[in-house]
Amino acid sequence: MAAHTWEAIAASIAHAIGEPFLADSANPIGGGCINRGFHLKGHGRDFFVKLNAASALAMFEAEAAGLREIAATSTVRVPLPVCTGSDPERAWLALEYLPLSSDGQHAMAALGERLAALHRVTSATFGWTRGNTIGSTLQVNTPLPEWSEFWVHRRLGYQLDLADRSGHRGVLQRKGELLLQRVPSLLAGHRPAASLVHGDLWGGNAAAIAGEPVIFDPAVYYGDREVDLAMTRLFGGFPSEFYSAYENAWPLEHGHRERRDLYNLYHVLNHLNLFGGGYLRQALQMIDRLLAAA
């Protein structure tokens, strides 16, 4: 990393916190596949800094806005954004540094309760005030009043269009188009509130600090709260304490298990578009199950 970029980041942080800041060290932190992460130290202060190409500035600005949206609810803790910025080579997002640990049973139970509280924050329409990203893929959040319409046009249909442009045509597009036509019947009778959702809630985006749950790397919007619960089960699942605590706080509605594939298909299609054909078979299997149930 060029020295002038770290100098620019330090100046950006200093401006944001209103006091001098010079970086003494920047230690890489692993775990991400989209951005590079660093633990930045200096002047007795610690920050977590994400870096990407300069063109990623809008992505970081949207992530910071999403973190502020969640933080404003005073429900579940997130790392607070400090500043965003860019130079000709790099864009950055600086966050408060939290020494995260693995999730204990107590923290995961608390996360279930607090996620239910987050979901009780609602909007009149589905979507958000701005677009953001899911991974590095644009996530379109232009509001719509009906949930099934939003899921067809802003989520599944958008990912299928991306897959078509990436060369995933043929059977995926034929079955995908049929599924889009049947989404209203799959969601018939389901009238969810437009809840504030994390939007990318898998095990890698949740941890704890001193027993307090923390979530991060959001892709926020206002949607069916079940999208968050569905995704927690996509890559291995959360501990049972999490689900029990959520259900105790706000029981899920009838049919949520049947809707799980419909909501997780969005993420599987996104992984197909980001990482390639290894996810094609999984996407087709999910579509087949959904078509059989429609």
C-alpha atoms as a PDB file:
ATOM      1  CA  MET A   1       0.000   0.000   0.000  1.00  0.00           C
ATOM      2  CA  ALA A   2       1.390   3.398  -1.012  1.00  0.00           C
ATOM      3  CA  ALA A   3       2.398   5.660   1.881  1.00  0.00           C
ATOM      4  CA  HIS A   4       0.413   8.573   0.444  1.00  0.00           C
ATOM      5  CA  THR A   5      -2.810   6.551   0.708  1.00  0.00           C
ATOM      6  CA  TRP A   6      -2.276   5.897   4.407  1.00  0.00           C
ATOM      7  CA  GLU A   7      -1.494   9.594   4.870  1.00  0.00           C
ATOM      8  CA  ALA A   8      -4.750  10.476   3.115  1.00  0.00           C
ATOM      9  CA  ILE A   9      -6.688   8.001   5.274  1.00  0.00           C
ATOM     10  CA  ALA A  10      -5.126   9.420   8.454  1.00  0.00           C
ATOM     11  CA  ALA A  11      -6.027  12.950   7.366  1.00  0.00           C
ATOM     12  CA  SER A  12      -9.585  11.825   6.613  1.00  0.00           C
ATOM     13  CA  ILE A  13      -9.897  10.255  10.074  1.00  0.00           C
ATOM     14  CA  ALA A  14      -8.391  13.338  11.753  1.00  0.00           C
ATOM     15  CA  HIS A  15     -10.938  15.567  10.032  1.00  0.00           C
ATOM     16  CA  ALA A  16     -13.784  13.262  11.072  1.00  0.00           C
ATOM     17  CA  ILE A  17     -12.803  12.985  14.749  1.00  0.00           C
ATOM     18  CA  GLY A  18     -11.749  16.620  15.071  1.00  0.00           C
ATOM     19  CA  GLU A  19      -8.290  15.944  16.444  1.00  0.00           C
ATOM     20  CA  PRO A  20      -4.828  15.056  15.095  1.00  0.00           C
ATOM     21  CA  PHE A  21      -4.262  11.486  13.989  1.00  0.00           C
ATOM     22  CA  LEU A  22      -1.156   9.885  12.527  1.00  0.00           C
ATOM     23  CA  ALA A  23      -1.022   6.171  11.777  1.00  0.00           C
ATOM     24  CA  ASP A  24       1.685   4.187  13.555  1.00  0.00           C
ATOM     25  CA  SER A  25       0.785   0.763  12.141  1.00  0.00           C
ATOM     26  CA  ALA A  26      -1.682  -0.913   9.790  1.00  0.00           C
ATOM     27  CA  ASN A  27      -2.002  -4.653  10.317  1.00  0.00           C
ATOM     28  CA  PRO A  28      -3.955  -6.740   7.788  1.00  0.00           C
ATOM     29  CA  ILE A  29      -7.084  -8.511   9.027  1.00  0.00           C
ATOM     30  CA  GLY A  30      -8.302 -11.465   6.994  1.00  0.00           C
ATOM     31  CA  GLY A  31     -11.784 -12.762   6.377  1.00  0.00           C
ATOM     32  CA  GLY A  32     -13.135 -10.702   3.491  1.00  0.00           C
ATOM     33  CA  CYS A  33     -13.193 -11.653  -0.173  1.00  0.00           C
ATOM     34  CA  ILE A  34     -14.382  -8.284  -1.537  1.00  0.00           C
ATOM     35  CA  ASN A  35     -12.305  -5.736   0.392  1.00  0.00           C
ATOM     36  CA  ARG A  36      -8.994  -5.670   2.253  1.00  0.00           C
ATOM     37  CA  GLY A  37      -9.225  -4.989   5.992  1.00  0.00           C
ATOM     38  CA  PHE A  38      -6.684  -3.389   8.330  1.00  0.00           C
ATOM     39  CA  HIS A  39      -6.372  -2.624  12.035  1.00  0.00           C
ATOM     40  CA  LEU A  40      -5.055   0.925  11.989  1.00  0.00           C
ATOM     41  CA  LYS A  41      -3.354   2.269  15.134  1.00  0.00           C
ATOM     42  CA  GLY A  42      -2.045   5.684  16.066  1.00  0.00           C
ATOM     43  CA  HIS A  43      -2.195   8.376  18.779  1.00  0.00           C
ATOM     44  CA  GLY A  44      -3.646   5.810  21.173  1.00  0.00           C
ATOM     45  CA  ARG A  45      -6.614   5.255  18.872  1.00  0.00           C
ATOM     46  CA  ASP A  46      -7.712   2.160  16.934  1.00  0.00           C
ATOM     47  CA  PHE A  47      -9.750   1.976  13.726  1.00  0.00           C
ATOM     48  CA  PHE A  48     -10.814  -0.724  11.309  1.00  0.00           C
ATOM     49  CA  VAL A  49     -10.218   0.333   7.710  1.00  0.00           C
ATOM     50  CA  LYS A  50     -11.611  -1.298   4.585  1.00  0.00           C
ATOM     51  CA  LEU A  51      -9.856  -0.684   1.280  1.00  0.00           C
ATOM     52  CA  ASN A  52     -10.823  -1.228  -2.326  1.00  0.00           C
ATOM     53  CA  ALA A  53     -10.294   0.412  -5.701  1.00  0.00           C
ATOM     54  CA  ALA A  54     -11.121   4.108  -5.942  1.00  0.00           C
ATOM     55  CA  SER A  55     -14.266   3.213  -7.889  1.00  0.00           C
ATOM     56  CA  ALA A  56     -15.676   1.528  -4.746  1.00  0.00           C
ATOM     57  CA  LEU A  57     -16.242   4.811  -2.901  1.00  0.00           C
ATOM     58  CA  ALA A  58     -20.022   4.752  -3.481  1.00  0.00           C
ATOM     59  CA  MET A  59     -20.147   1.188  -2.131  1.00  0.00           C
ATOM     60  CA  PHE A  60     -18.414   2.309   1.083  1.00  0.00           C
ATOM     61  CA  GLU A  61     -20.632   5.373   1.403  1.00  0.00           C
ATOM     62  CA  ALA A  62     -23.722   3.170   1.157  1.00  0.00           C
ATOM     63  CA  GLU A  63     -22.328   0.736   3.730  1.00  0.00           C
ATOM     64  CA  ALA A  64     -21.665   3.601   6.139  1.00  0.00           C
ATOM     65  CA  ALA A  65     -25.227   4.853   5.628  1.00  0.00           C
ATOM     66  CA  GLY A  66     -26.551   1.354   6.341  1.00  0.00           C
ATOM     67  CA  LEU A  67     -24.558   1.081   9.556  1.00  0.00           C
ATOM     68  CA  ARG A  68     -25.904   4.453  10.671  1.00  0.00           C
ATOM     69  CA  GLU A  69     -29.455   3.315   9.824  1.00  0.00           C
ATOM     70  CA  ILE A  70     -29.092   0.278  12.087  1.00  0.00           C
ATOM     71  CA  ALA A  71     -27.267   2.195  14.840  1.00  0.00           C
ATOM     72  CA  ALA A  72     -30.057   4.789  14.974  1.00  0.00           C
ATOM     73  CA  THR A  73     -32.510   2.079  16.073  1.00  0.00           C
ATOM     74  CA  SER A  74     -30.563   1.352  19.303  1.00  0.00           C
ATOM     75  CA  THR A  75     -31.369  -2.341  18.906  1.00  0.00           C
ATOM     76  CA  VAL A  76     -28.302  -4.344  17.887  1.00  0.00           C
ATOM     77  CA  ARG A  77     -24.738  -3.063  17.954  1.00  0.00           C
ATOM     78  CA  VAL A  78     -22.802  -2.297  14.774  1.00  0.00           C
ATOM     79  CA  PRO A  79     -19.336  -0.781  14.305  1.00  0.00           C
ATOM     80  CA  LEU A  80     -19.880   2.952  13.924  1.00  0.00           C
ATOM     81  CA  PRO A  81     -18.615   4.541  10.719  1.00  0.00           C
ATOM     82  CA  VAL A  82     -15.963   7.220  11.106  1.00  0.00           C
ATOM     83  CA  CYS A  83     -15.361   8.398   7.543  1.00  0.00           C
ATOM     84  CA  THR A  84     -15.156   7.421   3.900  1.00  0.00           C
ATOM     85  CA  GLY A  85     -12.860   8.797   1.247  1.00  0.00           C
ATOM     86  CA  SER A  86     -10.710   8.099  -1.773  1.00  0.00           C
ATOM     87  CA  ASP A  87      -7.552   9.074  -3.599  1.00  0.00           C
ATOM     88  CA  PRO A  88      -6.730   8.283  -7.242  1.00  0.00           C
ATOM     89  CA  GLU A  89      -5.895   4.664  -6.339  1.00  0.00           C
ATOM     90  CA  ARG A  90      -7.965   3.572  -3.342  1.00  0.00           C
ATOM     91  CA  ALA A  91     -11.286   4.124  -1.601  1.00  0.00           C
ATOM     92  CA  TRP A  92     -11.665   3.531   2.113  1.00  0.00           C
ATOM     93  CA  LEU A  93     -14.168   3.153   4.891  1.00  0.00           C
ATOM     94  CA  ALA A  94     -12.921   3.744   8.439  1.00  0.00           C
ATOM     95  CA  LEU A  95     -14.946   2.257  11.294  1.00  0.00           C
ATOM     96  CA  GLU A  96     -14.567   2.094  15.043  1.00  0.00           C
ATOM     97  CA  TYR A  97     -12.372  -0.863  15.913  1.00  0.00           C
ATOM     98  CA  LEU A  98     -14.121  -3.579  17.906  1.00  0.00           C
ATOM     99  CA  PRO A  99     -12.067  -6.526  19.258  1.00  0.00           C
ATOM    100  CA  LEU A 100     -14.573  -9.156  18.167  1.00  0.00           C
ATOM    101  CA  SER A 101     -14.696 -12.702  19.460  1.00  0.00           C
ATOM    102  CA  SER A 102     -16.568 -15.844  18.494  1.00  0.00           C
ATOM    103  CA  ASP A 103     -20.227 -15.994  19.438  1.00  0.00           C
ATOM    104  CA  GLY A 104     -21.069 -17.545  22.790  1.00  0.00           C
ATOM    105  CA  GLN A 105     -24.506 -18.944  23.566  1.00  0.00           C
ATOM    106  CA  HIS A 106     -25.467 -15.859  25.555  1.00  0.00           C
ATOM    107  CA  ALA A 107     -24.437 -13.482  22.771  1.00  0.00           C
ATOM    108  CA  MET A 108     -26.332 -15.456  20.139  1.00  0.00           C
ATOM    109  CA  ALA A 109     -29.489 -15.537  22.243  1.00  0.00           C
ATOM    110  CA  ALA A 110     -29.170 -11.784  22.706  1.00  0.00           C
ATOM    111  CA  LEU A 111     -28.698 -11.410  18.951  1.00  0.00           C
ATOM    112  CA  GLY A 112     -31.989 -13.221  18.330  1.00  0.00           C
ATOM    113  CA  GLU A 113     -33.827 -10.845  20.661  1.00  0.00           C
ATOM    114  CA  ARG A 114     -32.177  -7.737  19.263  1.00  0.00           C
ATOM    115  CA  LEU A 115     -32.659  -8.746  15.651  1.00  0.00           C
ATOM    116  CA  ALA A 116     -36.384  -9.085  16.355  1.00  0.00           C
ATOM    117  CA  ALA A 117     -36.299  -5.563  17.804  1.00  0.00           C
ATOM    118  CA  LEU A 118     -34.483  -4.291  14.696  1.00  0.00           C
ATOM    119  CA  HIS A 119     -37.147  -5.882  12.492  1.00  0.00           C
ATOM    120  CA  ARG A 120     -39.887  -4.001  14.349  1.00  0.00           C
ATOM    121  CA  VAL A 121     -38.507  -0.803  12.801  1.00  0.00           C
ATOM    122  CA  THR A 122     -40.604  -0.426   9.673  1.00  0.00           C
ATOM    123  CA  SER A 123     -41.210   1.714   6.608  1.00  0.00           C
ATOM    124  CA  ALA A 124     -44.279   2.422   4.480  1.00  0.00           C
ATOM    125  CA  THR A 125     -42.668   0.857   1.398  1.00  0.00           C
ATOM    126  CA  PHE A 126     -40.195  -1.896   0.529  1.00  0.00           C
ATOM    127  CA  GLY A 127     -36.699  -0.766  -0.429  1.00  0.00           C
ATOM    128  CA  TRP A 128     -34.492   2.041   0.826  1.00  0.00           C
ATOM    129  CA  THR A 129     -33.473   5.602   0.095  1.00  0.00           C
ATOM    130  CA  ARG A 130     -30.416   4.531  -1.910  1.00  0.00           C
ATOM    131  CA  GLY A 131     -28.882   1.573  -3.687  1.00  0.00           C
ATOM    132  CA  ASN A 132     -26.112  -0.389  -2.013  1.00  0.00           C
ATOM    133  CA  THR A 133     -24.261  -3.635  -2.661  1.00  0.00           C
ATOM    134  CA  ILE A 134     -24.641  -7.315  -1.858  1.00  0.00           C
ATOM    135  CA  GLY A 135     -21.043  -8.496  -1.950  1.00  0.00           C
ATOM    136  CA  SER A 136     -19.803  -6.270  -4.751  1.00  0.00           C
ATOM    137  CA  THR A 137     -23.031  -6.536  -6.781  1.00  0.00           C
ATOM    138  CA  LEU A 138     -25.291  -3.520  -7.046  1.00  0.00           C
ATOM    139  CA  GLN A 139     -28.420  -3.989  -4.951  1.00  0.00           C
ATOM    140  CA  VAL A 140     -31.288  -1.910  -6.305  1.00  0.00           C
ATOM    141  CA  ASN A 141     -33.520  -0.569  -3.522  1.00  0.00           C
ATOM    142  CA  THR A 142     -35.880   1.751  -5.413  1.00  0.00           C
ATOM    143  CA  PRO A 143     -39.039   1.507  -3.275  1.00  0.00           C
ATOM    144  CA  LEU A 144     -42.161  -0.396  -4.263  1.00  0.00           C
ATOM    145  CA  PRO A 145     -45.398  -0.744  -2.287  1.00  0.00           C
ATOM    146  CA  GLU A 146     -45.935  -4.494  -2.780  1.00  0.00           C
ATOM    147  CA  TRP A 147     -43.541  -7.113  -1.435  1.00  0.00           C
ATOM    148  CA  SER A 148     -43.989  -9.707  -4.191  1.00  0.00           C
ATOM    149  CA  GLU A 149     -43.418  -7.027  -6.835  1.00  0.00           C
ATOM    150  CA  PHE A 150     -40.276  -5.882  -5.034  1.00  0.00           C
ATOM    151  CA  TRP A 151     -38.927  -9.431  -4.804  1.00  0.00           C
ATOM    152  CA  VAL A 152     -39.560 -10.083  -8.502  1.00  0.00           C
ATOM    153  CA  HIS A 153     -38.185  -6.830  -9.903  1.00  0.00           C
ATOM    154  CA  ARG A 154     -35.558  -5.686  -7.408  1.00  0.00           C
ATOM    155  CA  ARG A 155     -34.162  -9.034  -6.324  1.00  0.00           C
ATOM    156  CA  LEU A 156     -34.669 -12.260  -8.318  1.00  0.00           C
ATOM    157  CA  GLY A 157     -35.316 -10.643 -11.686  1.00  0.00           C
ATOM    158  CA  TYR A 158     -32.285  -8.390 -11.352  1.00  0.00           C
ATOM    159  CA  GLN A 159     -29.980 -11.311 -10.485  1.00  0.00           C
ATOM    160  CA  LEU A 160     -31.357 -13.407 -13.347  1.00  0.00           C
ATOM    161  CA  ASP A 161     -30.672 -10.531 -15.749  1.00  0.00           C
ATOM    162  CA  LEU A 162     -27.087 -10.355 -14.489  1.00  0.00           C
ATOM    163  CA  ALA A 163     -26.724 -14.116 -14.945  1.00  0.00           C
ATOM    164  CA  ASP A 164     -28.007 -13.833 -18.511  1.00  0.00           C
ATOM    165  CA  ARG A 165     -25.454 -11.131 -19.299  1.00  0.00           C
ATOM    166  CA  SER A 166     -22.741 -13.343 -17.777  1.00  0.00           C
ATOM    167  CA  GLY A 167     -23.623 -16.203 -20.123  1.00  0.00           C
ATOM    168  CA  HIS A 168     -25.852 -18.268 -17.814  1.00  0.00           C
ATOM    169  CA  ARG A 169     -28.718 -18.683 -20.256  1.00  0.00           C
ATOM    170  CA  GLY A 170     -30.733 -21.693 -21.356  1.00  0.00           C
ATOM    171  CA  VAL A 171     -32.383 -23.681 -18.597  1.00  0.00           C
ATOM    172  CA  LEU A 172     -31.645 -21.155 -15.848  1.00  0.00           C
ATOM    173  CA  GLN A 173     -33.412 -18.371 -17.708  1.00  0.00           C
ATOM    174  CA  ARG A 174     -36.339 -20.552 -18.798  1.00  0.00           C
ATOM    175  CA  LYS A 175     -36.997 -21.857 -15.302  1.00  0.00           C
ATOM    176  CA  GLY A 176     -36.168 -18.492 -13.748  1.00  0.00           C
ATOM    177  CA  GLU A 177     -38.738 -16.700 -15.893  1.00  0.00           C
ATOM    178  CA  LEU A 178     -41.360 -19.268 -14.953  1.00  0.00           C
ATOM    179  CA  LEU A 179     -40.519 -18.783 -11.285  1.00  0.00           C
ATOM    180  CA  LEU A 180     -40.853 -14.996 -11.560  1.00  0.00           C
ATOM    181  CA  GLN A 181     -44.374 -15.502 -12.891  1.00  0.00           C
ATOM    182  CA  ARG A 182     -45.215 -17.704  -9.912  1.00  0.00           C
ATOM    183  CA  VAL A 183     -43.753 -15.576  -7.129  1.00  0.00           C
ATOM    184  CA  PRO A 184     -47.134 -13.901  -6.442  1.00  0.00           C
ATOM    185  CA  SER A 185     -48.736 -17.310  -5.863  1.00  0.00           C
ATOM    186  CA  LEU A 186     -45.835 -18.424  -3.649  1.00  0.00           C
ATOM    187  CA  LEU A 187     -46.347 -15.300  -1.538  1.00  0.00           C
ATOM    188  CA  ALA A 188     -50.153 -15.336  -1.699  1.00  0.00           C
ATOM    189  CA  GLY A 189     -51.675 -14.442   1.648  1.00  0.00           C
ATOM    190  CA  HIS A 190     -48.328 -13.313   3.063  1.00  0.00           C
ATOM    191  CA  ARG A 191     -48.404  -9.614   3.909  1.00  0.00           C
ATOM    192  CA  PRO A 192     -45.160  -8.784   5.721  1.00  0.00           C
ATOM    193  CA  ALA A 193     -44.341  -5.420   7.181  1.00  0.00           C
ATOM    194  CA  ALA A 194     -41.471  -3.540   5.529  1.00  0.00           C
ATOM    195  CA  SER A 195     -38.934  -4.237   8.286  1.00  0.00           C
ATOM    196  CA  LEU A 196     -35.413  -2.869   8.486  1.00  0.00           C
ATOM    197  CA  VAL A 197     -33.228  -5.872   7.624  1.00  0.00           C
ATOM    198  CA  HIS A 198     -29.480  -6.418   7.722  1.00  0.00           C
ATOM    199  CA  GLY A 199     -29.731  -7.962   4.261  1.00  0.00           C
ATOM    200  CA  ASP A 200     -26.586 -10.134   4.313  1.00  0.00           C
ATOM    201  CA  LEU A 201     -26.841 -11.930   7.640  1.00  0.00           C
ATOM    202  CA  TRP A 202     -24.689 -15.054   7.556  1.00  0.00           C
ATOM    203  CA  GLY A 203     -22.324 -16.356  10.232  1.00  0.00           C
ATOM    204  CA  GLY A 204     -19.360 -14.359   8.934  1.00  0.00           C
ATOM    205  CA  ASN A 205     -21.193 -11.085   9.555  1.00  0.00           C
ATOM    206  CA  ALA A 206     -22.033 -11.620  13.224  1.00  0.00           C
ATOM    207  CA  ALA A 207     -19.783 -11.823  16.279  1.00  0.00           C
ATOM    208  CA  ALA A 208     -19.605 -10.537  19.837  1.00  0.00           C
ATOM    209  CA  ILE A 209     -17.676  -8.164  22.052  1.00  0.00           C
ATOM    210  CA  ALA A 210     -17.668  -8.849  25.808  1.00  0.00           C
ATOM    211  CA  GLY A 211     -20.765 -11.001  25.356  1.00  0.00           C
ATOM    212  CA  GLU A 212     -22.653  -8.343  23.393  1.00  0.00           C
ATOM    213  CA  PRO A 213     -23.711  -9.312  19.851  1.00  0.00           C
ATOM    214  CA  VAL A 214     -22.404  -7.269  16.936  1.00  0.00           C
ATOM    215  CA  ILE A 215     -23.446  -7.401  13.275  1.00  0.00           C
ATOM    216  CA  PHE A 216     -21.547  -5.798  10.411  1.00  0.00           C
ATOM    217  CA  ASP A 217     -21.112  -5.686   6.612  1.00  0.00           C
ATOM    218  CA  PRO A 218     -24.822  -4.933   6.055  1.00  0.00           C
ATOM    219  CA  ALA A 219     -26.763  -4.639   2.811  1.00  0.00           C
ATOM    220  CA  VAL A 220     -29.717  -2.910   4.437  1.00  0.00           C
ATOM    221  CA  TYR A 221     -33.174  -2.250   3.076  1.00  0.00           C
ATOM    222  CA  TYR A 222     -36.762  -2.496   4.282  1.00  0.00           C
ATOM    223  CA  GLY A 223     -38.206  -5.903   3.431  1.00  0.00           C
ATOM    224  CA  ASP A 224     -39.756  -9.055   4.812  1.00  0.00           C
ATOM    225  CA  ARG A 225     -37.979  -9.825   8.085  1.00  0.00           C
ATOM    226  CA  GLU A 226     -37.855 -13.474   7.004  1.00  0.00           C
ATOM    227  CA  VAL A 227     -35.070 -12.687   4.519  1.00  0.00           C
ATOM    228  CA  ASP A 228     -32.620 -12.263   7.405  1.00  0.00           C
ATOM    229  CA  LEU A 229     -33.763 -15.446   9.159  1.00  0.00           C
ATOM    230  CA  ALA A 230     -33.591 -17.392   5.901  1.00  0.00           C
ATOM    231  CA  MET A 231     -30.044 -16.304   5.159  1.00  0.00           C
ATOM    232  CA  THR A 232     -28.806 -17.262   8.620  1.00  0.00           C
ATOM    233  CA  ARG A 233     -29.490 -20.874   7.563  1.00  0.00           C
ATOM    234  CA  LEU A 234     -27.871 -20.690   4.121  1.00  0.00           C
ATOM    235  CA  PHE A 235     -24.228 -21.250   5.088  1.00  0.00           C
ATOM    236  CA  GLY A 236     -24.393 -23.595   8.063  1.00  0.00           C
ATOM    237  CA  GLY A 237     -26.942 -21.920  10.306  1.00  0.00           C
ATOM    238  CA  PHE A 238     -26.765 -20.094  13.630  1.00  0.00           C
ATOM    239  CA  PRO A 239     -26.936 -21.802  17.048  1.00  0.00           C
ATOM    240  CA  SER A 240     -30.342 -22.944  18.252  1.00  0.00           C
ATOM    241  CA  GLU A 241     -30.270 -20.316  21.014  1.00  0.00           C
ATOM    242  CA  PHE A 242     -30.475 -17.599  18.358  1.00  0.00           C
ATOM    243  CA  TYR A 243     -33.634 -19.013  16.754  1.00  0.00           C
ATOM    244  CA  SER A 244     -35.332 -19.747  20.077  1.00  0.00           C
ATOM    245  CA  ALA A 245     -34.713 -16.216  21.317  1.00  0.00           C
ATOM    246  CA  TYR A 246     -35.988 -14.670  18.092  1.00  0.00           C
ATOM    247  CA  GLU A 247     -39.156 -16.795  18.140  1.00  0.00           C
ATOM    248  CA  ASN A 248     -39.776 -15.900  21.778  1.00  0.00           C
ATOM    249  CA  ALA A 249     -39.457 -12.217  20.945  1.00  0.00           C
ATOM    250  CA  TRP A 250     -41.486 -12.278  17.707  1.00  0.00           C
ATOM    251  CA  PRO A 251     -42.735 -15.616  16.348  1.00  0.00           C
ATOM    252  CA  LEU A 252     -42.379 -16.153  12.603  1.00  0.00           C
ATOM    253  CA  GLU A 253     -45.507 -16.472  10.494  1.00  0.00           C
ATOM    254  CA  HIS A 254     -46.922 -19.673   9.055  1.00  0.00           C
ATOM    255  CA  GLY A 255     -45.148 -20.741   5.858  1.00  0.00           C
ATOM    256  CA  HIS A 256     -41.751 -19.232   6.645  1.00  0.00           C
ATOM    257  CA  ARG A 257     -39.971 -22.545   5.983  1.00  0.00           C
ATOM    258  CA  GLU A 258     -41.569 -22.760   2.536  1.00  0.00           C
ATOM    259  CA  ARG A 259     -40.471 -19.198   1.731  1.00  0.00           C
ATOM    260  CA  ARG A 260     -36.861 -19.858   2.764  1.00  0.00           C
ATOM    261  CA  ASP A 261     -35.719 -21.120  -0.660  1.00  0.00           C
ATOM    262  CA  LEU A 262     -37.426 -18.189  -2.381  1.00  0.00           C
ATOM    263  CA  TYR A 263     -35.449 -15.722  -0.311  1.00  0.00           C
ATOM    264  CA  ASN A 264     -32.132 -17.592  -0.297  1.00  0.00           C
ATOM    265  CA  LEU A 265     -32.238 -18.048  -4.066  1.00  0.00           C
ATOM    266  CA  TYR A 266     -31.352 -14.359  -4.308  1.00  0.00           C
ATOM    267  CA  HIS A 267     -28.047 -14.958  -2.526  1.00  0.00           C
ATOM    268  CA  VAL A 268     -27.260 -18.142  -4.444  1.00  0.00           C
ATOM    269  CA  LEU A 269     -27.819 -16.321  -7.742  1.00  0.00           C
ATOM    270  CA  ASN A 270     -25.605 -13.506  -6.487  1.00  0.00           C
ATOM    271  CA  HIS A 271     -22.856 -16.022  -5.661  1.00  0.00           C
ATOM    272  CA  LEU A 272     -23.268 -17.464  -9.149  1.00  0.00           C
ATOM    273  CA  ASN A 273     -22.806 -13.995 -10.628  1.00  0.00           C
ATOM    274  CA  LEU A 274     -19.833 -13.176  -8.391  1.00  0.00           C
ATOM    275  CA  PHE A 275     -17.948 -16.459  -8.277  1.00  0.00           C
ATOM    276  CA  GLY A 276     -19.049 -18.549 -11.234  1.00  0.00           C
ATOM    277  CA  GLY A 277     -20.757 -21.733 -12.250  1.00  0.00           C
ATOM    278  CA  GLY A 278     -20.249 -23.736  -9.089  1.00  0.00           C
ATOM    279  CA  TYR A 279     -23.520 -22.266  -7.789  1.00  0.00           C
ATOM    280  CA  LEU A 280     -25.562 -23.021 -10.920  1.00  0.00           C
ATOM    281  CA  ARG A 281     -26.640 -26.482  -9.806  1.00  0.00           C
ATOM    282  CA  GLN A 282     -27.722 -25.208  -6.389  1.00  0.00           C
ATOM    283  CA  ALA A 283     -29.750 -22.408  -7.977  1.00  0.00           C
ATOM    284  CA  LEU A 284     -31.508 -24.811 -10.345  1.00  0.00           C
ATOM    285  CA  GLN A 285     -32.332 -27.209  -7.513  1.00  0.00           C
ATOM    286  CA  MET A 286     -33.870 -24.387  -5.508  1.00  0.00           C
ATOM    287  CA  ILE A 287     -35.896 -23.181  -8.496  1.00  0.00           C
ATOM    288  CA  ASP A 288     -37.169 -26.713  -9.119  1.00  0.00           C
ATOM    289  CA  ARG A 289     -38.353 -27.024  -5.510  1.00  0.00           C
ATOM    290  CA  LEU A 290     -40.095 -23.678  -5.707  1.00  0.00           C
ATOM    291  CA  LEU A 291     -41.803 -24.486  -9.010  1.00  0.00           C
ATOM    292  CA  ALA A 292     -43.016 -27.793  -7.574  1.00  0.00           C
ATOM    293  CA  ALA A 293     -44.537 -25.923  -4.617  1.00  0.00           C
ATOM    294  CA  ALA A 294     -46.143 -23.139  -6.660  1.00  0.00           C
END
